[in-house]
């Protein structure tokens, strides 16, 4: 008769196994994105045009001229992109925990929404000002938040992309990574530094401004996660920041002079 083995507890994982688990998770998710972003930055730096003369498209068409195929690919891409969240959920369960262990649940919806909205307002406005500054300085590409065809599903897909980014990045880079590094015995600031540098690295395709801005955001978000013990407010904040950026860009592009 087969006997099911018990789940491994966090203490039984050990620092070496935790490091291996982190490496696996990020090698199939945002760590791989960081490598691609680095290569894209090198390509931008070696291109004939200066950085500010090039574009970094955040949400672009996947099948130009074929809207139904484009929509299908957008939905498939979103599902594939957030798949690592399911991997993290599985690994947490295997160690006797769950997404609730990193504060990804609906236990405190009101508080999470309030904290997320306030954080989004503070970070979003500051981030826009910083982007315009570094773009003017010539150390960043022109970030095109949305470049989708003018069809009925444009705004829903932009909002889906915002949710996708908020869930993927905050569950993995804030919640899961900081949680596991704490279990491995890392000091809070050392763990936040790694988390923030990782966050900045997969934004390198935007230029040096995108890297620095996201490192700073990573420090703020990381410290708030360590203080609150919940990733949900960060998911809310990130989703709101991206939703305003994506939809706002689509509405304002070509209508205001200050937007590159």
Protein backbone atom coordinates (compact mmCIF):
# COMPACT_ATOMS: atom_id res chain seq x y z
CA UNK A 1 0.00 0.00 0.00
CA UNK A 2 1.42 3.37 -1.02
CA UNK A 3 1.77 5.92 1.77
CA UNK A 4 1.73 9.58 0.81
CA UNK A 5 4.76 11.47 2.12
CA UNK A 6 4.02 14.58 4.19
CA UNK A 7 4.65 18.05 2.84
CA UNK A 8 8.08 19.50 3.55
CA UNK A 9 7.96 22.22 6.21
CA UNK A 10 9.72 25.56 5.63
CA UNK A 11 12.34 24.71 8.23
CA UNK A 12 13.10 21.42 6.47
CA UNK A 13 13.74 23.15 3.16
CA UNK A 14 17.05 24.57 4.35
CA UNK A 15 18.95 27.51 2.82
CA UNK A 16 20.43 25.46 -0.03
CA UNK A 17 17.10 24.04 -1.13
CA UNK A 18 15.48 27.46 -0.84
CA UNK A 19 18.18 29.00 -3.07
CA UNK A 20 17.69 26.22 -5.61
CA UNK A 21 13.93 26.71 -5.55
CA UNK A 22 14.29 30.47 -6.07
CA UNK A 23 16.67 29.88 -8.97
CA UNK A 24 14.19 27.53 -10.65
CA UNK A 25 11.23 29.88 -10.19
CA UNK A 26 12.99 32.92 -11.60
CA UNK A 27 14.77 31.06 -14.39
CA UNK A 28 11.34 30.38 -15.91
CA UNK A 29 9.88 33.80 -15.14
CA UNK A 30 11.24 37.26 -14.34
CA UNK A 31 14.87 36.17 -14.18
CA UNK A 32 14.62 35.09 -17.81
CA UNK A 33 12.91 38.41 -18.57
CA UNK A 34 15.87 40.20 -16.97
CA UNK A 35 18.29 38.43 -19.30
CA UNK A 36 16.20 39.36 -22.35
CA UNK A 37 15.95 42.95 -21.08
CA UNK A 38 19.74 43.17 -20.73
CA UNK A 39 20.26 41.96 -24.29
CA UNK A 40 17.66 44.44 -25.56
CA UNK A 41 19.44 47.27 -23.72
CA UNK A 42 22.75 46.30 -25.31
CA UNK A 43 20.99 46.31 -28.67
CA UNK A 44 19.57 49.76 -28.00
CA UNK A 45 22.95 51.13 -26.90
CA UNK A 46 24.67 49.81 -30.02
CA UNK A 47 21.95 51.03 -32.41
CA UNK A 48 22.67 54.04 -34.67
CA UNK A 49 20.06 56.20 -32.93
CA UNK A 50 20.37 57.55 -29.39
CA UNK A 51 18.22 56.01 -26.66
CA UNK A 52 15.56 58.72 -26.63
CA UNK A 53 15.09 58.19 -30.35
CA UNK A 54 14.07 54.57 -29.82
CA UNK A 55 10.87 53.08 -28.40
CA UNK A 56 10.11 50.47 -25.76
CA UNK A 57 6.59 49.18 -26.34
CA UNK A 58 4.96 47.73 -23.21
CA UNK A 59 1.72 46.38 -24.70
CA UNK A 60 1.85 46.02 -28.45
CA UNK A 61 -0.05 44.23 -31.17
CA UNK A 62 0.82 40.55 -31.59
CA UNK A 63 -0.88 40.17 -34.99
CA UNK A 64 -1.11 43.53 -36.79
CA UNK A 65 -4.06 43.77 -39.14
CA UNK A 66 -5.76 40.67 -37.70
CA UNK A 67 -7.73 41.84 -34.65
CA UNK A 68 -9.33 38.51 -33.68
CA UNK A 69 -6.04 36.65 -33.90
CA UNK A 70 -4.40 39.52 -32.04
CA UNK A 71 -6.96 39.27 -29.23
CA UNK A 72 -6.51 35.50 -28.98
CA UNK A 73 -2.73 35.86 -28.77
CA UNK A 74 -3.06 38.60 -26.14
CA UNK A 75 -5.16 36.30 -23.94
CA UNK A 76 -2.84 33.33 -24.45
CA UNK A 77 0.19 35.49 -23.70
CA UNK A 78 -1.41 36.74 -20.47
CA UNK A 79 -2.14 33.19 -19.33
CA UNK A 80 1.41 32.03 -20.04
CA UNK A 81 2.93 35.09 -18.36
CA UNK A 82 1.14 34.57 -15.04
CA UNK A 83 1.72 30.79 -14.98
CA UNK A 84 4.73 31.16 -12.61
CA UNK A 85 2.28 32.39 -9.95
CA UNK A 86 0.69 28.94 -10.03
CA UNK A 87 4.17 27.42 -9.67
CA UNK A 88 4.83 29.56 -6.60
CA UNK A 89 1.44 28.59 -5.14
CA UNK A 90 2.28 24.91 -5.65
CA UNK A 91 5.73 25.24 -4.06
CA UNK A 92 4.28 27.03 -1.05
CA UNK A 93 1.72 24.27 -0.58
CA UNK A 94 4.49 21.67 -0.88
CA UNK A 95 6.28 23.38 2.01
CA UNK A 96 3.16 23.33 4.19
CA UNK A 97 2.15 26.90 3.40
CA UNK A 98 -0.02 28.71 0.84
CA UNK A 99 -0.38 32.04 -0.94
CA UNK A 100 -2.01 33.21 2.28
CA UNK A 101 1.44 32.92 3.89
CA UNK A 102 2.59 35.89 1.80
CA UNK A 103 -0.64 37.82 2.13
CA UNK A 104 -2.18 36.96 -1.23
CA UNK A 105 -5.79 36.47 -0.20
CA UNK A 106 -9.02 38.38 0.41
CA UNK A 107 -8.93 38.56 4.20
CA UNK A 108 -8.48 42.36 4.31
CA UNK A 109 -10.02 43.76 1.12
CA UNK A 110 -10.79 47.24 2.46
CA UNK A 111 -7.37 47.80 4.00
CA UNK A 112 -5.58 46.34 0.99
CA UNK A 113 -7.48 48.63 -1.39
CA UNK A 114 -6.82 51.72 0.73
CA UNK A 115 -3.14 50.99 1.11
CA UNK A 116 -2.78 50.10 -2.55
CA UNK A 117 -4.58 53.22 -3.78
CA UNK A 118 -2.50 55.55 -1.59
CA UNK A 119 0.72 53.83 -2.64
CA UNK A 120 -0.28 54.01 -6.31
CA UNK A 121 -0.99 57.73 -6.05
CA UNK A 122 2.39 58.41 -4.44
CA UNK A 123 4.51 56.16 -6.66
CA UNK A 124 2.61 56.78 -9.89
CA UNK A 125 2.96 60.56 -9.88
CA UNK A 126 6.59 60.44 -8.80
CA UNK A 127 7.35 57.78 -11.39
CA UNK A 128 5.89 59.82 -14.25
CA UNK A 129 7.94 62.87 -13.26
CA UNK A 130 11.09 60.73 -13.02
CA UNK A 131 10.46 59.16 -16.43
CA UNK A 132 10.05 62.55 -18.13
CA UNK A 133 13.28 63.71 -16.48
CA UNK A 134 15.41 60.74 -17.52
CA UNK A 135 13.91 60.76 -21.01
CA UNK A 136 14.84 64.42 -21.42
CA UNK A 137 18.35 63.55 -20.18
CA UNK A 138 18.66 60.98 -22.98
CA UNK A 139 19.26 57.92 -20.80
CA UNK A 140 15.92 56.23 -21.45
CA UNK A 141 13.98 55.03 -24.44
CA UNK A 142 10.58 56.52 -25.23
CA UNK A 143 8.22 54.21 -23.36
CA UNK A 144 5.09 53.45 -25.39
CA UNK A 145 2.68 52.15 -22.77
CA UNK A 146 0.17 50.83 -25.29
CA UNK A 147 0.30 50.29 -29.03
CA UNK A 148 -2.83 48.31 -29.82
CA UNK A 149 -5.29 48.72 -32.70
CA UNK A 150 -8.29 50.97 -32.07
CA UNK A 151 -10.80 48.14 -31.60
CA UNK A 152 -13.36 47.29 -28.91
CA UNK A 153 -11.00 45.11 -26.89
CA UNK A 154 -8.13 47.61 -26.64
CA UNK A 155 -8.99 48.97 -23.18
CA UNK A 156 -9.93 45.56 -21.69
CA UNK A 157 -6.61 44.10 -22.87
CA UNK A 158 -4.70 47.07 -21.45
CA UNK A 159 -6.45 46.56 -18.10
CA UNK A 160 -5.72 42.83 -18.26
CA UNK A 161 -2.05 43.62 -18.86
CA UNK A 162 -2.06 45.86 -15.79
CA UNK A 163 -3.55 43.10 -13.62
CA UNK A 164 -1.12 40.59 -15.10
CA UNK A 165 1.89 42.75 -14.22
CA UNK A 166 0.63 43.51 -10.74
CA UNK A 167 -0.04 39.90 -9.86
CA UNK A 168 3.09 38.41 -11.42
CA UNK A 169 5.62 40.91 -10.12
CA UNK A 170 4.29 41.45 -6.62
CA UNK A 171 3.54 37.80 -5.87
CA UNK A 172 6.98 36.70 -7.10
CA UNK A 173 9.38 39.59 -6.46
CA UNK A 174 7.85 41.04 -3.29
CA UNK A 175 5.91 38.25 -1.58
CA UNK A 176 7.49 34.94 -2.54
CA UNK A 177 11.12 36.05 -2.88
CA UNK A 178 11.25 38.05 0.35
CA UNK A 179 9.37 35.31 2.20
CA UNK A 180 11.78 32.62 1.08
CA UNK A 181 14.88 34.75 1.72
CA UNK A 182 13.65 35.41 5.25
CA UNK A 183 13.26 31.65 5.74
CA UNK A 184 16.81 31.20 4.46
CA UNK A 185 18.08 33.53 7.18
CA UNK A 186 18.78 36.65 5.12
CA UNK A 187 18.68 40.05 6.79
CA UNK A 188 15.72 42.26 5.77
CA UNK A 189 17.79 44.88 3.94
CA UNK A 190 19.90 42.32 2.10
CA UNK A 191 16.75 40.58 0.90
CA UNK A 192 15.15 43.87 -0.18
CA UNK A 193 18.30 44.82 -2.09
CA UNK A 194 18.18 41.58 -4.10
CA UNK A 195 14.45 41.95 -4.73
CA UNK A 196 14.84 45.58 -5.84
CA UNK A 197 17.78 44.85 -8.15
CA UNK A 198 15.85 42.00 -9.74
CA UNK A 199 12.85 44.30 -10.28
CA UNK A 200 15.09 46.86 -11.93
CA UNK A 201 16.89 44.30 -14.08
CA UNK A 202 13.86 43.10 -16.03
CA UNK A 203 13.04 46.73 -16.83
CA UNK A 204 16.46 47.37 -18.41
CA UNK A 205 14.91 47.26 -21.88
CA UNK A 206 13.46 50.70 -21.11
CA UNK A 207 16.89 52.20 -20.46
CA UNK A 208 18.86 53.24 -17.41
CA UNK A 209 16.00 55.35 -16.10
CA UNK A 210 13.67 52.36 -16.13
CA UNK A 211 16.25 50.37 -14.18
CA UNK A 212 16.87 53.00 -11.50
CA UNK A 213 13.22 53.95 -11.12
CA UNK A 214 12.17 50.34 -10.61
CA UNK A 215 15.00 49.65 -8.16
CA UNK A 216 13.75 52.52 -6.03
CA UNK A 217 10.18 51.23 -6.37
CA UNK A 218 11.45 47.79 -5.38
CA UNK A 219 13.00 49.13 -2.18
CA UNK A 220 9.76 50.89 -1.22
CA UNK A 221 7.55 47.92 -2.08
CA UNK A 222 9.93 45.46 -0.44
CA UNK A 223 10.07 47.33 2.85
CA UNK A 224 6.30 47.74 2.88
CA UNK A 225 5.86 44.00 2.33
CA UNK A 226 8.20 43.29 5.23
CA UNK A 227 6.25 45.70 7.40
CA UNK A 228 2.74 44.59 6.41
CA UNK A 229 3.42 40.91 5.70
CA UNK A 230 0.97 41.17 2.79
CA UNK A 231 1.54 41.31 -0.96
CA UNK A 232 -2.07 42.21 -1.83
CA UNK A 233 -1.72 45.98 -1.26
CA UNK A 234 1.29 45.90 -3.59
CA UNK A 235 -0.70 43.96 -6.20
CA UNK A 236 -3.42 46.61 -5.99
CA UNK A 237 -0.94 49.49 -6.22
CA UNK A 238 0.98 48.02 -9.15
CA UNK A 239 -2.23 47.21 -11.01
CA UNK A 240 -3.56 50.75 -10.54
CA UNK A 241 -0.27 52.34 -11.61
CA UNK A 242 -0.13 50.30 -14.81
CA UNK A 243 -3.84 50.69 -15.54
CA UNK A 244 -3.58 54.48 -15.38
CA UNK A 245 -0.37 54.43 -17.43
CA UNK A 246 -1.70 52.11 -20.15
CA UNK A 247 -5.17 53.58 -20.54
CA UNK A 248 -4.00 57.13 -19.95
CA UNK A 249 -1.32 56.81 -22.60
CA UNK A 250 -3.84 55.47 -25.10
CA UNK A 251 -6.12 58.43 -24.38
CA UNK A 252 -3.46 61.17 -24.37
CA UNK A 253 -0.99 60.06 -27.04
CA UNK A 254 -0.81 62.69 -29.78
CA UNK A 255 -2.99 65.09 -27.79
CA UNK A 256 -0.48 66.53 -25.31
CA UNK A 257 2.95 67.92 -26.09
CA UNK A 258 4.73 66.74 -22.94
CA UNK A 259 4.17 63.02 -23.56
CA UNK A 260 6.95 61.48 -25.74
